[in-house]
PDB file of N, CA and C in Angstrom:
ATOM      1  N   UNK A   1      15.289  80.550   6.282  1.00  0.00           N
ATOM      2  CA  UNK A   1      14.091  79.731   6.187  1.00  0.00           C
ATOM      3  C   UNK A   1      13.194  80.043   7.376  1.00  0.00           C
ATOM      4  N   UNK A   2      11.910  80.216   7.113  1.00  0.00           N
ATOM      5  CA  UNK A   2      10.947  80.572   8.157  1.00  0.00           C
ATOM      6  C   UNK A   2       9.781  79.586   8.118  1.00  0.00           C
ATOM      7  N   UNK A   3       9.427  79.065   9.297  1.00  0.00           N
ATOM      8  CA  UNK A   3       8.250  78.213   9.448  1.00  0.00           C
ATOM      9  C   UNK A   3       7.375  78.817  10.540  1.00  0.00           C
ATOM     10  N   UNK A   4       6.094  78.945  10.247  1.00  0.00           N
ATOM     11  CA  UNK A   4       5.129  79.446  11.222  1.00  0.00           C
ATOM     12  C   UNK A   4       3.968  78.463  11.238  1.00  0.00           C
ATOM     13  N   UNK A   5       3.774  77.810  12.393  1.00  0.00           N
ATOM     14  CA  UNK A   5       2.794  76.729  12.497  1.00  0.00           C
ATOM     15  C   UNK A   5       1.928  76.913  13.732  1.00  0.00           C
ATOM     16  N   UNK A   6       0.728  76.335  13.670  1.00  0.00           N
ATOM     17  CA  UNK A   6      -0.192  76.366  14.812  1.00  0.00           C
ATOM     18  C   UNK A   6      -0.468  74.930  15.241  1.00  0.00           C
ATOM     19  N   UNK A   7      -0.400  74.706  16.561  1.00  0.00           N
ATOM     20  CA  UNK A   7      -0.619  73.385  17.146  1.00  0.00           C
ATOM     21  C   UNK A   7      -1.739  73.450  18.166  1.00  0.00           C
ATOM     22  N   UNK A   8      -2.488  72.357  18.287  1.00  0.00           N
ATOM     23  CA  UNK A   8      -3.453  72.238  19.373  1.00  0.00           C
ATOM     24  C   UNK A   8      -2.662  71.962  20.656  1.00  0.00           C
ATOM     25  N   UNK A   9      -3.312  72.095  21.806  1.00  0.00           N
ATOM     26  CA  UNK A   9      -2.596  71.886  23.070  1.00  0.00           C
ATOM     27  C   UNK A   9      -2.133  70.445  23.243  1.00  0.00           C
ATOM     28  N   UNK A  10      -2.723  69.505  22.504  1.00  0.00           N
ATOM     29  CA  UNK A  10      -2.259  68.115  22.595  1.00  0.00           C
ATOM     30  C   UNK A  10      -1.103  67.821  21.631  1.00  0.00           C
ATOM     31  N   UNK A  11      -0.600  68.880  20.957  1.00  0.00           N
ATOM     32  CA  UNK A  11       0.585  68.732  20.120  1.00  0.00           C
ATOM     33  C   UNK A  11       0.325  68.422  18.660  1.00  0.00           C
ATOM     34  N   UNK A  12      -0.938  68.364  18.251  1.00  0.00           N
ATOM     35  CA  UNK A  12      -1.283  68.074  16.850  1.00  0.00           C
ATOM     36  C   UNK A  12      -1.174  69.349  16.017  1.00  0.00           C
ATOM     37  N   UNK A  13      -0.433  69.294  14.892  1.00  0.00           N
ATOM     38  CA  UNK A  13      -0.315  70.455  14.017  1.00  0.00           C
ATOM     39  C   UNK A  13      -1.646  70.659  13.314  1.00  0.00           C
ATOM     40  N   UNK A  14      -2.208  71.864  13.441  1.00  0.00           N
ATOM     41  CA  UNK A  14      -3.495  72.148  12.819  1.00  0.00           C
ATOM     42  C   UNK A  14      -3.368  73.060  11.610  1.00  0.00           C
ATOM     43  N   UNK A  15      -2.246  73.778  11.486  1.00  0.00           N
ATOM     44  CA  UNK A  15      -2.083  74.671  10.344  1.00  0.00           C
ATOM     45  C   UNK A  15      -0.625  75.055  10.159  1.00  0.00           C
ATOM     46  N   UNK A  16      -0.217  75.188   8.921  1.00  0.00           N
ATOM     47  CA  UNK A  16       1.076  75.776   8.573  1.00  0.00           C
ATOM     48  C   UNK A  16       0.771  77.084   7.875  1.00  0.00           C
ATOM     49  N   UNK A  17       1.139  78.191   8.503  1.00  0.00           N
ATOM     50  CA  UNK A  17       0.849  79.508   7.946  1.00  0.00           C
ATOM     51  C   UNK A  17       1.920  79.970   6.975  1.00  0.00           C
ATOM     52  N   UNK A  18       3.156  79.525   7.190  1.00  0.00           N
ATOM     53  CA  UNK A  18       4.266  79.949   6.349  1.00  0.00           C
ATOM     54  C   UNK A  18       5.374  78.918   6.424  1.00  0.00           C
ATOM     55  N   UNK A  19       5.941  78.606   5.285  1.00  0.00           N
ATOM     56  CA  UNK A  19       7.096  77.718   5.219  1.00  0.00           C
ATOM     57  C   UNK A  19       7.873  78.071   3.962  1.00  0.00           C
ATOM     58  N   UNK A  20       8.743  79.075   4.095  1.00  0.00           N
ATOM     59  CA  UNK A  20       9.493  79.532   2.918  1.00  0.00           C
ATOM     60  C   UNK A  20      10.660  80.413   3.341  1.00  0.00           C
ATOM     61  N   UNK A  21      11.456  80.742   2.371  1.00  0.00           N
ATOM     62  CA  UNK A  21      12.548  81.691   2.595  1.00  0.00           C
ATOM     63  C   UNK A  21      11.997  83.092   2.367  1.00  0.00           C
ATOM     64  N   UNK A  22      12.287  83.988   3.303  1.00  0.00           N
ATOM     65  CA  UNK A  22      11.870  85.382   3.139  1.00  0.00           C
ATOM     66  C   UNK A  22      13.036  86.289   3.499  1.00  0.00           C
ATOM     67  N   UNK A  23      12.977  87.507   3.008  1.00  0.00           N
ATOM     68  CA  UNK A  23      14.013  88.502   3.263  1.00  0.00           C
ATOM     69  C   UNK A  23      14.014  88.917   4.735  1.00  0.00           C
ATOM     70  N   UNK A  24      15.171  89.337   5.225  1.00  0.00           N
ATOM     71  CA  UNK A  24      15.256  89.894   6.572  1.00  0.00           C
ATOM     72  C   UNK A  24      14.373  91.118   6.667  1.00  0.00           C
ATOM     73  N   UNK A  25      13.866  91.379   7.867  1.00  0.00           N
ATOM     74  CA  UNK A  25      13.059  92.567   8.086  1.00  0.00           C
ATOM     75  C   UNK A  25      11.753  92.230   8.775  1.00  0.00           C
ATOM     76  N   UNK A  26      10.936  93.239   8.920  1.00  0.00           N
ATOM     77  CA  UNK A  26       9.640  93.083   9.571  1.00  0.00           C
ATOM     78  C   UNK A  26       8.600  92.658   8.539  1.00  0.00           C
ATOM     79  N   UNK A  27       7.803  91.681   8.906  1.00  0.00           N
ATOM     80  CA  UNK A  27       6.785  91.162   8.003  1.00  0.00           C
ATOM     81  C   UNK A  27       5.466  91.000   8.753  1.00  0.00           C
ATOM     82  N   UNK A  28       4.367  91.107   8.029  1.00  0.00           N
ATOM     83  CA  UNK A  28       3.038  90.877   8.597  1.00  0.00           C
ATOM     84  C   UNK A  28       2.375  89.783   7.788  1.00  0.00           C
ATOM     85  N   UNK A  29       1.663  88.926   8.481  1.00  0.00           N
ATOM     86  CA  UNK A  29       0.968  87.822   7.838  1.00  0.00           C
ATOM     87  C   UNK A  29      -0.470  87.809   8.336  1.00  0.00           C
ATOM     88  N   UNK A  30      -1.428  88.098   7.461  1.00  0.00           N
ATOM     89  CA  UNK A  30      -2.827  88.057   7.898  1.00  0.00           C
ATOM     90  C   UNK A  30      -3.193  86.651   8.369  1.00  0.00           C
ATOM     91  N   UNK A  31      -4.013  86.567   9.404  1.00  0.00           N
ATOM     92  CA  UNK A  31      -4.410  85.273   9.947  1.00  0.00           C
ATOM     93  C   UNK A  31      -5.903  85.270  10.214  1.00  0.00           C
ATOM     94  N   UNK A  32      -6.559  84.246   9.740  1.00  0.00           N
ATOM     95  CA  UNK A  32      -7.966  84.029  10.036  1.00  0.00           C
ATOM     96  C   UNK A  32      -8.071  82.675  10.725  1.00  0.00           C
ATOM     97  N   UNK A  33      -8.767  82.617  11.833  1.00  0.00           N
ATOM     98  CA  UNK A  33      -8.877  81.360  12.578  1.00  0.00           C
ATOM     99  C   UNK A  33      -9.643  80.302  11.795  1.00  0.00           C
ATOM    100  N   UNK A  34     -10.349  80.712  10.743  1.00  0.00           N
ATOM    101  CA  UNK A  34     -11.020  79.765   9.858  1.00  0.00           C
ATOM    102  C   UNK A  34     -11.831  78.719  10.574  1.00  0.00           C
ATOM    103  N   UNK A  35     -11.452  77.455  10.414  1.00  0.00           N
ATOM    104  CA  UNK A  35     -12.203  76.339  10.976  1.00  0.00           C
ATOM    105  C   UNK A  35     -11.766  75.949  12.389  1.00  0.00           C
ATOM    106  N   UNK A  36     -10.837  76.690  12.968  1.00  0.00           N
ATOM    107  CA  UNK A  36     -10.379  76.337  14.312  1.00  0.00           C
ATOM    108  C   UNK A  36     -11.485  76.611  15.328  1.00  0.00           C
ATOM    109  N   UNK A  37     -11.692  75.671  16.215  1.00  0.00           N
ATOM    110  CA  UNK A  37     -12.711  75.857  17.252  1.00  0.00           C
ATOM    111  C   UNK A  37     -12.129  76.657  18.413  1.00  0.00           C
ATOM    112  N   UNK A  38     -12.993  77.109  19.294  1.00  0.00           N
ATOM    113  CA  UNK A  38     -12.545  77.849  20.476  1.00  0.00           C
ATOM    114  C   UNK A  38     -11.575  76.994  21.275  1.00  0.00           C
ATOM    115  N   UNK A  39     -10.557  77.634  21.816  1.00  0.00           N
ATOM    116  CA  UNK A  39      -9.601  76.909  22.637  1.00  0.00           C
ATOM    117  C   UNK A  39      -8.245  77.581  22.657  1.00  0.00           C
ATOM    118  N   UNK A  40      -7.310  76.898  23.267  1.00  0.00           N
ATOM    119  CA  UNK A  40      -5.929  77.383  23.382  1.00  0.00           C
ATOM    120  C   UNK A  40      -5.085  76.656  22.345  1.00  0.00           C
ATOM    121  N   UNK A  41      -4.267  77.420  21.648  1.00  0.00           N
ATOM    122  CA  UNK A  41      -3.374  76.882  20.625  1.00  0.00           C
ATOM    123  C   UNK A  41      -1.972  77.415  20.863  1.00  0.00           C
ATOM    124  N   UNK A  42      -0.998  76.748  20.280  1.00  0.00           N
ATOM    125  CA  UNK A  42       0.395  77.186  20.372  1.00  0.00           C
ATOM    126  C   UNK A  42       0.857  77.568  18.974  1.00  0.00           C
ATOM    127  N   UNK A  43       1.395  78.778  18.853  1.00  0.00           N
ATOM    128  CA  UNK A  43       1.965  79.245  17.594  1.00  0.00           C
ATOM    129  C   UNK A  43       3.474  79.081  17.712  1.00  0.00           C
ATOM    130  N   UNK A  44       4.069  78.391  16.746  1.00  0.00           N
ATOM    131  CA  UNK A  44       5.512  78.154  16.781  1.00  0.00           C
ATOM    132  C   UNK A  44       6.151  78.794  15.556  1.00  0.00           C
ATOM    133  N   UNK A  45       7.142  79.652  15.808  1.00  0.00           N
ATOM    134  CA  UNK A  45       7.906  80.322  14.764  1.00  0.00           C
ATOM    135  C   UNK A  45       9.330  79.789  14.795  1.00  0.00           C
ATOM    136  N   UNK A  46       9.799  79.292  13.663  1.00  0.00           N
ATOM    137  CA  UNK A  46      11.174  78.817  13.553  1.00  0.00           C
ATOM    138  C   UNK A  46      11.860  79.634  12.470  1.00  0.00           C
ATOM    139  N   UNK A  47      12.929  80.330  12.845  1.00  0.00           N
ATOM    140  CA  UNK A  47      13.699  81.136  11.900  1.00  0.00           C
ATOM    141  C   UNK A  47      15.145  80.690  11.980  1.00  0.00           C
ATOM    142  N   UNK A  48      15.654  80.146  10.887  1.00  0.00           N
ATOM    143  CA  UNK A  48      17.038  79.672  10.820  1.00  0.00           C
ATOM    144  C   UNK A  48      17.400  78.773  12.000  1.00  0.00           C
ATOM    145  N   UNK A  49      16.489  77.913  12.392  1.00  0.00           N
ATOM    146  CA  UNK A  49      16.747  76.958  13.462  1.00  0.00           C
ATOM    147  C   UNK A  49      16.420  77.441  14.864  1.00  0.00           C
ATOM    148  N   UNK A  50      16.188  78.748  15.048  1.00  0.00           N
ATOM    149  CA  UNK A  50      15.811  79.283  16.364  1.00  0.00           C
ATOM    150  C   UNK A  50      14.291  79.238  16.492  1.00  0.00           C
ATOM    151  N   UNK A  51      13.797  78.729  17.629  1.00  0.00           N
ATOM    152  CA  UNK A  51      12.360  78.523  17.823  1.00  0.00           C
ATOM    153  C   UNK A  51      11.800  79.426  18.913  1.00  0.00           C
ATOM    154  N   UNK A  52      10.624  80.017  18.629  1.00  0.00           N
ATOM    155  CA  UNK A  52       9.860  80.758  19.633  1.00  0.00           C
ATOM    156  C   UNK A  52       8.433  80.243  19.580  1.00  0.00           C
ATOM    157  N   UNK A  53       7.826  80.065  20.742  1.00  0.00           N
ATOM    158  CA  UNK A  53       6.443  79.586  20.823  1.00  0.00           C
ATOM    159  C   UNK A  53       5.640  80.495  21.734  1.00  0.00           C
ATOM    160  N   UNK A  54       4.376  80.693  21.365  1.00  0.00           N
ATOM    161  CA  UNK A  54       3.464  81.495  22.175  1.00  0.00           C
ATOM    162  C   UNK A  54       2.088  80.842  22.145  1.00  0.00           C
ATOM    163  N   UNK A  55       1.380  80.945  23.249  1.00  0.00           N
ATOM    164  CA  UNK A  55       0.011  80.448  23.321  1.00  0.00           C
ATOM    165  C   UNK A  55      -0.936  81.541  22.844  1.00  0.00           C
ATOM    166  N   UNK A  56      -1.988  81.137  22.132  1.00  0.00           N
ATOM    167  CA  UNK A  56      -3.046  82.055  21.735  1.00  0.00           C
ATOM    168  C   UNK A  56      -4.383  81.435  22.138  1.00  0.00           C
ATOM    169  N   UNK A  57      -5.366  82.284  22.335  1.00  0.00           N
ATOM    170  CA  UNK A  57      -6.714  81.833  22.675  1.00  0.00           C
ATOM    171  C   UNK A  57      -7.642  82.252  21.553  1.00  0.00           C
ATOM    172  N   UNK A  58      -8.403  81.306  21.052  1.00  0.00           N
ATOM    173  CA  UNK A  58      -9.424  81.598  20.049  1.00  0.00           C
ATOM    174  C   UNK A  58     -10.767  81.440  20.737  1.00  0.00           C
ATOM    175  N   UNK A  59     -11.561  82.494  20.681  1.00  0.00           N
ATOM    176  CA  UNK A  59     -12.854  82.491  21.341  1.00  0.00           C
ATOM    177  C   UNK A  59     -13.931  82.786  20.309  1.00  0.00           C
ATOM    178  N   UNK A  60     -14.848  81.886  20.187  1.00  0.00           N
ATOM    179  CA  UNK A  60     -15.963  82.051  19.242  1.00  0.00           C
ATOM    180  C   UNK A  60     -17.248  82.207  20.054  1.00  0.00           C
ATOM    181  N   UNK A  61     -17.997  83.246  19.760  1.00  0.00           N
ATOM    182  CA  UNK A  61     -19.273  83.436  20.454  1.00  0.00           C
ATOM    183  C   UNK A  61     -20.377  82.813  19.611  1.00  0.00           C
ATOM    184  N   UNK A  62     -21.421  82.415  20.272  1.00  0.00           N
ATOM    185  CA  UNK A  62     -22.527  81.972  19.483  1.00  0.00           C
ATOM    186  C   UNK A  62     -23.075  80.695  19.851  1.00  0.00           C
TER     187      UNK A  62
END
């Protein structure tokens, strides 16, 4: 089971990119920031109960 989610820095879940069972191996998932405003977000990946988190920065010009 794989879950891939994006959270704002205050801990609010803003998007679920993936929540399903997938085969072992390397996978790519296209991502568009869509309606997310500029700022720092946390991407959390959970695979079979193991969690990894990384910060990302979304920068919008204009």
